[in-house]
């Protein structure tokens, strides 16, 4: 148990990945289950760039208790 956080990191920045520095992060309040559906808008004002790759990560817990539930890379055209 614990909070679920959905974060988008710059996958082309080794420092951001190593330090878990997300461009955006959302806290998700949901009942336990095996599916998560979300819609979100990624903007230039948030730091997103065209022709760039990012990592979407879904985690539960924080610091030493952090558990990665899902992750995947995507590329903005």
PDB file of N, CA and C in Angstrom:
ATOM      1  N   UNK A   1       0.835  -1.184   0.000  1.00  0.00           N
ATOM      2  CA  UNK A   1       0.000   0.000   0.000  1.00  0.00           C
ATOM      3  C   UNK A   1       0.875   1.240   0.000  1.00  0.00           C
ATOM      4  N   UNK A   2       0.284   2.355  -0.272  1.00  0.00           N
ATOM      5  CA  UNK A   2       1.004   3.613  -0.328  1.00  0.00           C
ATOM      6  C   UNK A   2       0.529   4.420  -1.511  1.00  0.00           C
ATOM      7  N   UNK A   3       0.948   5.675  -1.589  1.00  0.00           N
ATOM      8  CA  UNK A   3       0.505   6.524  -2.685  1.00  0.00           C
ATOM      9  C   UNK A   3       1.046   6.035  -4.032  1.00  0.00           C
ATOM     10  N   UNK A   4       0.253   6.248  -5.067  1.00  0.00           N
ATOM     11  CA  UNK A   4       0.700   5.926  -6.421  1.00  0.00           C
ATOM     12  C   UNK A   4       1.017   7.240  -7.113  1.00  0.00           C
ATOM     13  N   UNK A   5       2.184   7.299  -7.737  1.00  0.00           N
ATOM     14  CA  UNK A   5       2.629   8.498  -8.434  1.00  0.00           C
ATOM     15  C   UNK A   5       2.928   8.131  -9.879  1.00  0.00           C
ATOM     16  N   UNK A   6       2.394   8.932 -10.800  1.00  0.00           N
ATOM     17  CA  UNK A   6       2.688   8.800 -12.221  1.00  0.00           C
ATOM     18  C   UNK A   6       3.596   9.977 -12.578  1.00  0.00           C
ATOM     19  N   UNK A   7       4.784   9.696 -13.084  1.00  0.00           N
ATOM     20  CA  UNK A   7       5.769  10.731 -13.371  1.00  0.00           C
ATOM     21  C   UNK A   7       6.298  10.588 -14.784  1.00  0.00           C
ATOM     22  N   UNK A   8       6.650  11.717 -15.390  1.00  0.00           N
ATOM     23  CA  UNK A   8       7.283  11.730 -16.703  1.00  0.00           C
ATOM     24  C   UNK A   8       8.667  12.347 -16.534  1.00  0.00           C
ATOM     25  N   UNK A   9       9.687  11.575 -16.934  1.00  0.00           N
ATOM     26  CA  UNK A   9      11.072  12.003 -16.815  1.00  0.00           C
ATOM     27  C   UNK A   9      11.688  12.155 -18.203  1.00  0.00           C
ATOM     28  N   UNK A  10      12.712  12.975 -18.295  1.00  0.00           N
ATOM     29  CA  UNK A  10      13.443  13.165 -19.548  1.00  0.00           C
ATOM     30  C   UNK A  10      14.391  11.985 -19.721  1.00  0.00           C
ATOM     31  N   UNK A  11      14.061  11.058 -20.618  1.00  0.00           N
ATOM     32  CA  UNK A  11      14.893   9.852 -20.768  1.00  0.00           C
ATOM     33  C   UNK A  11      16.210  10.127 -21.483  1.00  0.00           C
ATOM     34  N   UNK A  12      16.376  11.338 -22.029  1.00  0.00           N
ATOM     35  CA  UNK A  12      17.639  11.697 -22.679  1.00  0.00           C
ATOM     36  C   UNK A  12      18.589  12.410 -21.716  1.00  0.00           C
ATOM     37  N   UNK A  13      18.189  12.516 -20.435  1.00  0.00           N
ATOM     38  CA  UNK A  13      19.026  13.154 -19.422  1.00  0.00           C
ATOM     39  C   UNK A  13      19.402  12.130 -18.353  1.00  0.00           C
ATOM     40  N   UNK A  14      20.639  11.618 -18.396  1.00  0.00           N
ATOM     41  CA  UNK A  14      21.065  10.644 -17.377  1.00  0.00           C
ATOM     42  C   UNK A  14      20.946  11.197 -15.958  1.00  0.00           C
ATOM     43  N   UNK A  15      21.210  12.485 -15.773  1.00  0.00           N
ATOM     44  CA  UNK A  15      21.103  13.102 -14.448  1.00  0.00           C
ATOM     45  C   UNK A  15      19.668  13.082 -13.942  1.00  0.00           C
ATOM     46  N   UNK A  16      18.707  13.429 -14.803  1.00  0.00           N
ATOM     47  CA  UNK A  16      17.298  13.440 -14.407  1.00  0.00           C
ATOM     48  C   UNK A  16      16.841  12.033 -14.025  1.00  0.00           C
ATOM     49  N   UNK A  17      17.264  11.041 -14.780  1.00  0.00           N
ATOM     50  CA  UNK A  17      16.889   9.659 -14.475  1.00  0.00           C
ATOM     51  C   UNK A  17      17.515   9.195 -13.166  1.00  0.00           C
ATOM     52  N   UNK A  18      18.797   9.477 -12.980  1.00  0.00           N
ATOM     53  CA  UNK A  18      19.503   9.049 -11.779  1.00  0.00           C
ATOM     54  C   UNK A  18      18.918   9.711 -10.533  1.00  0.00           C
ATOM     55  N   UNK A  19      18.537  10.984 -10.641  1.00  0.00           N
ATOM     56  CA  UNK A  19      18.043  11.737  -9.486  1.00  0.00           C
ATOM     57  C   UNK A  19      16.524  11.718  -9.363  1.00  0.00           C
ATOM     58  N   UNK A  20      15.854  10.945 -10.223  1.00  0.00           N
ATOM     59  CA  UNK A  20      14.387  10.829 -10.201  1.00  0.00           C
ATOM     60  C   UNK A  20      13.710  12.199 -10.329  1.00  0.00           C
ATOM     61  N   UNK A  21      14.259  13.059 -11.207  1.00  0.00           N
ATOM     62  CA  UNK A  21      13.713  14.402 -11.414  1.00  0.00           C
ATOM     63  C   UNK A  21      12.672  14.358 -12.520  1.00  0.00           C
ATOM     64  N   UNK A  22      11.422  14.474 -12.133  1.00  0.00           N
ATOM     65  CA  UNK A  22      10.322  14.412 -13.090  1.00  0.00           C
ATOM     66  C   UNK A  22       9.992  15.804 -13.617  1.00  0.00           C
ATOM     67  N   UNK A  23       9.623  15.862 -14.904  1.00  0.00           N
ATOM     68  CA  UNK A  23       9.109  17.109 -15.472  1.00  0.00           C
ATOM     69  C   UNK A  23       7.718  17.388 -14.918  1.00  0.00           C
ATOM     70  N   UNK A  24       6.911  16.358 -14.817  1.00  0.00           N
ATOM     71  CA  UNK A  24       5.586  16.444 -14.201  1.00  0.00           C
ATOM     72  C   UNK A  24       5.338  15.161 -13.416  1.00  0.00           C
ATOM     73  N   UNK A  25       4.506  15.276 -12.398  1.00  0.00           N
ATOM     74  CA  UNK A  25       4.125  14.113 -11.601  1.00  0.00           C
ATOM     75  C   UNK A  25       2.700  14.313 -11.106  1.00  0.00           C
ATOM     76  N   UNK A  26       1.968  13.224 -11.068  1.00  0.00           N
ATOM     77  CA  UNK A  26       0.592  13.253 -10.596  1.00  0.00           C
ATOM     78  C   UNK A  26       0.428  12.218  -9.491  1.00  0.00           C
ATOM     79  N   UNK A  27      -0.252  12.616  -8.409  1.00  0.00           N
ATOM     80  CA  UNK A  27      -0.664  11.671  -7.373  1.00  0.00           C
ATOM     81  C   UNK A  27      -1.978  11.053  -7.829  1.00  0.00           C
ATOM     82  N   UNK A  28      -2.082   9.750  -7.716  1.00  0.00           N
ATOM     83  CA  UNK A  28      -3.285   9.048  -8.159  1.00  0.00           C
ATOM     84  C   UNK A  28      -3.974   8.439  -6.945  1.00  0.00           C
ATOM     85  N   UNK A  29      -5.198   8.823  -6.734  1.00  0.00           N
ATOM     86  CA  UNK A  29      -6.009   8.224  -5.679  1.00  0.00           C
ATOM     87  C   UNK A  29      -6.936   7.205  -6.322  1.00  0.00           C
ATOM     88  N   UNK A  30      -6.729   5.959  -5.999  1.00  0.00           N
ATOM     89  CA  UNK A  30      -7.557   4.912  -6.581  1.00  0.00           C
ATOM     90  C   UNK A  30      -7.629   3.725  -5.637  1.00  0.00           C
ATOM     91  N   UNK A  31      -8.650   2.939  -5.819  1.00  0.00           N
ATOM     92  CA  UNK A  31      -8.764   1.695  -5.078  1.00  0.00           C
ATOM     93  C   UNK A  31      -7.797   0.680  -5.698  1.00  0.00           C
ATOM     94  N   UNK A  32      -7.294  -0.252  -4.910  1.00  0.00           N
ATOM     95  CA  UNK A  32      -6.389  -1.259  -5.470  1.00  0.00           C
ATOM     96  C   UNK A  32      -7.018  -1.977  -6.659  1.00  0.00           C
ATOM     97  N   UNK A  33      -6.212  -2.197  -7.679  1.00  0.00           N
ATOM     98  CA  UNK A  33      -6.670  -2.889  -8.879  1.00  0.00           C
ATOM     99  C   UNK A  33      -5.502  -3.138  -9.805  1.00  0.00           C
ATOM    100  N   UNK A  34      -5.782  -3.678 -10.965  1.00  0.00           N
ATOM    101  CA  UNK A  34      -4.709  -4.010 -11.907  1.00  0.00           C
ATOM    102  C   UNK A  34      -4.687  -3.095 -13.126  1.00  0.00           C
ATOM    103  N   UNK A  35      -5.593  -2.104 -13.194  1.00  0.00           N
ATOM    104  CA  UNK A  35      -5.650  -1.207 -14.354  1.00  0.00           C
ATOM    105  C   UNK A  35      -5.639   0.245 -13.902  1.00  0.00           C
ATOM    106  N   UNK A  36      -4.982   1.070 -14.699  1.00  0.00           N
ATOM    107  CA  UNK A  36      -4.943   2.509 -14.463  1.00  0.00           C
ATOM    108  C   UNK A  36      -5.123   3.192 -15.807  1.00  0.00           C
ATOM    109  N   UNK A  37      -6.105   4.056 -15.900  1.00  0.00           N
ATOM    110  CA  UNK A  37      -6.326   4.812 -17.131  1.00  0.00           C
ATOM    111  C   UNK A  37      -6.188   6.289 -16.845  1.00  0.00           C
ATOM    112  N   UNK A  38      -5.432   7.005 -17.684  1.00  0.00           N
ATOM    113  CA  UNK A  38      -5.224   8.447 -17.496  1.00  0.00           C
ATOM    114  C   UNK A  38      -5.167   9.135 -18.846  1.00  0.00           C
ATOM    115  N   UNK A  39      -5.574  10.381 -18.858  1.00  0.00           N
ATOM    116  CA  UNK A  39      -5.358  11.262 -19.998  1.00  0.00           C
ATOM    117  C   UNK A  39      -4.664  12.497 -19.459  1.00  0.00           C
ATOM    118  N   UNK A  40      -3.653  12.960 -20.175  1.00  0.00           N
ATOM    119  CA  UNK A  40      -2.966  14.165 -19.735  1.00  0.00           C
ATOM    120  C   UNK A  40      -2.390  14.891 -20.932  1.00  0.00           C
ATOM    121  N   UNK A  41      -2.116  16.175 -20.734  1.00  0.00           N
ATOM    122  CA  UNK A  41      -1.590  17.046 -21.776  1.00  0.00           C
ATOM    123  C   UNK A  41      -0.162  17.419 -21.416  1.00  0.00           C
ATOM    124  N   UNK A  42       0.760  17.243 -22.348  1.00  0.00           N
ATOM    125  CA  UNK A  42       2.161  17.595 -22.141  1.00  0.00           C
ATOM    126  C   UNK A  42       2.446  18.857 -22.956  1.00  0.00           C
ATOM    127  N   UNK A  43       2.894  19.919 -22.288  1.00  0.00           N
ATOM    128  CA  UNK A  43       3.074  21.204 -22.961  1.00  0.00           C
ATOM    129  C   UNK A  43       4.522  21.681 -22.922  1.00  0.00           C
ATOM    130  N   UNK A  44       4.833  22.614 -23.790  1.00  0.00           N
ATOM    131  CA  UNK A  44       6.153  23.241 -23.826  1.00  0.00           C
ATOM    132  C   UNK A  44       6.414  23.959 -22.504  1.00  0.00           C
ATOM    133  N   UNK A  45       5.373  24.564 -21.931  1.00  0.00           N
ATOM    134  CA  UNK A  45       5.525  25.272 -20.658  1.00  0.00           C
ATOM    135  C   UNK A  45       5.963  24.341 -19.526  1.00  0.00           C
ATOM    136  N   UNK A  46       5.643  23.077 -19.633  1.00  0.00           N
ATOM    137  CA  UNK A  46       6.067  22.088 -18.635  1.00  0.00           C
ATOM    138  C   UNK A  46       7.486  21.601 -18.901  1.00  0.00           C
ATOM    139  N   UNK A  47       8.056  21.972 -20.044  1.00  0.00           N
ATOM    140  CA  UNK A  47       9.421  21.561 -20.378  1.00  0.00           C
ATOM    141  C   UNK A  47       9.516  20.490 -21.444  1.00  0.00           C
ATOM    142  N   UNK A  48       8.394  20.116 -22.054  1.00  0.00           N
ATOM    143  CA  UNK A  48       8.414  19.084 -23.090  1.00  0.00           C
ATOM    144  C   UNK A  48       8.818  19.680 -24.425  1.00  0.00           C
ATOM    145  N   UNK A  49       9.570  18.891 -25.206  1.00  0.00           N
ATOM    146  CA  UNK A  49      10.094  19.345 -26.490  1.00  0.00           C
ATOM    147  C   UNK A  49       9.732  18.356 -27.593  1.00  0.00           C
ATOM    148  N   UNK A  50       9.451  18.877 -28.797  1.00  0.00           N
ATOM    149  CA  UNK A  50       9.240  17.960 -29.928  1.00  0.00           C
ATOM    150  C   UNK A  50      10.539  17.213 -30.251  1.00  0.00           C
ATOM    151  N   UNK A  51      10.413  16.059 -30.878  1.00  0.00           N
ATOM    152  CA  UNK A  51      11.562  15.228 -31.269  1.00  0.00           C
ATOM    153  C   UNK A  51      12.445  14.884 -30.079  1.00  0.00           C
ATOM    154  N   UNK A  52      11.800  14.507 -28.980  1.00  0.00           N
ATOM    155  CA  UNK A  52      12.519  14.205 -27.743  1.00  0.00           C
ATOM    156  C   UNK A  52      11.879  12.973 -27.108  1.00  0.00           C
ATOM    157  N   UNK A  53      12.665  12.203 -26.364  1.00  0.00           N
ATOM    158  CA  UNK A  53      12.159  10.986 -25.726  1.00  0.00           C
ATOM    159  C   UNK A  53      11.988  11.170 -24.221  1.00  0.00           C
ATOM    160  N   UNK A  54      10.962  10.511 -23.690  1.00  0.00           N
ATOM    161  CA  UNK A  54      10.611  10.626 -22.278  1.00  0.00           C
ATOM    162  C   UNK A  54      10.303   9.244 -21.714  1.00  0.00           C
ATOM    163  N   UNK A  55      10.346   9.166 -20.382  1.00  0.00           N
ATOM    164  CA  UNK A  55      10.042   7.929 -19.678  1.00  0.00           C
ATOM    165  C   UNK A  55       8.838   8.186 -18.784  1.00  0.00           C
ATOM    166  N   UNK A  56       7.812   7.386 -18.946  1.00  0.00           N
ATOM    167  CA  UNK A  56       6.637   7.439 -18.079  1.00  0.00           C
ATOM    168  C   UNK A  56       6.806   6.341 -17.042  1.00  0.00           C
ATOM    169  N   UNK A  57       6.703   6.705 -15.771  1.00  0.00           N
ATOM    170  CA  UNK A  57       6.919   5.729 -14.703  1.00  0.00           C
ATOM    171  C   UNK A  57       5.772   5.816 -13.694  1.00  0.00           C
ATOM    172  N   UNK A  58       5.247   4.661 -13.312  1.00  0.00           N
ATOM    173  CA  UNK A  58       4.210   4.565 -12.290  1.00  0.00           C
ATOM    174  C   UNK A  58       4.842   3.877 -11.088  1.00  0.00           C
ATOM    175  N   UNK A  59       4.871   4.580  -9.949  1.00  0.00           N
ATOM    176  CA  UNK A  59       5.514   4.035  -8.751  1.00  0.00           C
ATOM    177  C   UNK A  59       4.559   4.084  -7.569  1.00  0.00           C
ATOM    178  N   UNK A  60       4.843   3.241  -6.613  1.00  0.00           N
ATOM    179  CA  UNK A  60       4.088   3.242  -5.367  1.00  0.00           C
ATOM    180  C   UNK A  60       5.088   3.334  -4.229  1.00  0.00           C
ATOM    181  N   UNK A  61       4.800   4.173  -3.239  1.00  0.00           N
ATOM    182  CA  UNK A  61       5.712   4.385  -2.128  1.00  0.00           C
ATOM    183  C   UNK A  61       6.717   5.469  -2.459  1.00  0.00           C
ATOM    184  N   UNK A  62       7.653   5.684  -1.538  1.00  0.00           N
ATOM    185  CA  UNK A  62       8.666   6.720  -1.722  1.00  0.00           C
ATOM    186  C   UNK A  62      10.008   6.233  -1.206  1.00  0.00           C
ATOM    187  N   UNK A  63      11.074   6.820  -1.745  1.00  0.00           N
ATOM    188  CA  UNK A  63      12.457   6.554  -1.325  1.00  0.00           C
ATOM    189  C   UNK A  63      12.752   5.057  -1.298  1.00  0.00           C
ATOM    190  N   UNK A  64      13.175   4.526  -0.154  1.00  0.00           N
ATOM    191  CA  UNK A  64      13.587   3.124  -0.062  1.00  0.00           C
ATOM    192  C   UNK A  64      12.448   2.144  -0.280  1.00  0.00           C
ATOM    193  N   UNK A  65      11.212   2.591  -0.051  1.00  0.00           N
ATOM    194  CA  UNK A  65      10.068   1.689  -0.222  1.00  0.00           C
ATOM    195  C   UNK A  65       9.440   1.822  -1.613  1.00  0.00           C
ATOM    196  N   UNK A  66      10.059   2.636  -2.482  1.00  0.00           N
ATOM    197  CA  UNK A  66       9.495   2.851  -3.816  1.00  0.00           C
ATOM    198  C   UNK A  66       9.504   1.560  -4.632  1.00  0.00           C
ATOM    199  N   UNK A  67       8.359   1.264  -5.231  1.00  0.00           N
ATOM    200  CA  UNK A  67       8.223   0.076  -6.076  1.00  0.00           C
ATOM    201  C   UNK A  67       7.719   0.543  -7.443  1.00  0.00           C
ATOM    202  N   UNK A  68       8.449   0.216  -8.506  1.00  0.00           N
ATOM    203  CA  UNK A  68       8.032   0.574  -9.864  1.00  0.00           C
ATOM    204  C   UNK A  68       6.958  -0.417 -10.302  1.00  0.00           C
ATOM    205  N   UNK A  69       5.761   0.105 -10.562  1.00  0.00           N
ATOM    206  CA  UNK A  69       4.648  -0.734 -10.998  1.00  0.00           C
ATOM    207  C   UNK A  69       4.619  -0.896 -12.510  1.00  0.00           C
ATOM    208  N   UNK A  70       5.026   0.151 -13.227  1.00  0.00           N
ATOM    209  CA  UNK A  70       5.045   0.115 -14.697  1.00  0.00           C
ATOM    210  C   UNK A  70       5.915   1.262 -15.191  1.00  0.00           C
ATOM    211  N   UNK A  71       6.509   1.085 -16.365  1.00  0.00           N
ATOM    212  CA  UNK A  71       7.240   2.171 -17.002  1.00  0.00           C
ATOM    213  C   UNK A  71       7.375   1.884 -18.490  1.00  0.00           C
ATOM    214  N   UNK A  72       7.518   2.958 -19.236  1.00  0.00           N
ATOM    215  CA  UNK A  72       7.683   2.825 -20.669  1.00  0.00           C
ATOM    216  C   UNK A  72       8.190   4.120 -21.270  1.00  0.00           C
ATOM    217  N   UNK A  73       8.921   3.999 -22.341  1.00  0.00           N
ATOM    218  CA  UNK A  73       9.492   5.160 -23.012  1.00  0.00           C
ATOM    219  C   UNK A  73       8.600   5.560 -24.173  1.00  0.00           C
ATOM    220  N   UNK A  74       8.523   6.859 -24.442  1.00  0.00           N
ATOM    221  CA  UNK A  74       7.787   7.345 -25.606  1.00  0.00           C
ATOM    222  C   UNK A  74       8.531   8.526 -26.202  1.00  0.00           C
ATOM    223  N   UNK A  75       8.251   8.785 -27.480  1.00  0.00           N
ATOM    224  CA  UNK A  75       8.925   9.847 -28.231  1.00  0.00           C
ATOM    225  C   UNK A  75       7.866  10.813 -28.781  1.00  0.00           C
ATOM    226  N   UNK A  76       8.072  12.111 -28.524  1.00  0.00           N
ATOM    227  CA  UNK A  76       7.185  13.126 -29.084  1.00  0.00           C
ATOM    228  C   UNK A  76       7.660  13.467 -30.481  1.00  0.00           C
ATOM    229  N   UNK A  77       6.768  13.502 -31.434  1.00  0.00           N
ATOM    230  CA  UNK A  77       7.124  13.871 -32.804  1.00  0.00           C
ATOM    231  C   UNK A  77       7.243  15.367 -32.966  1.00  0.00           C
TER     232      UNK A  77
END
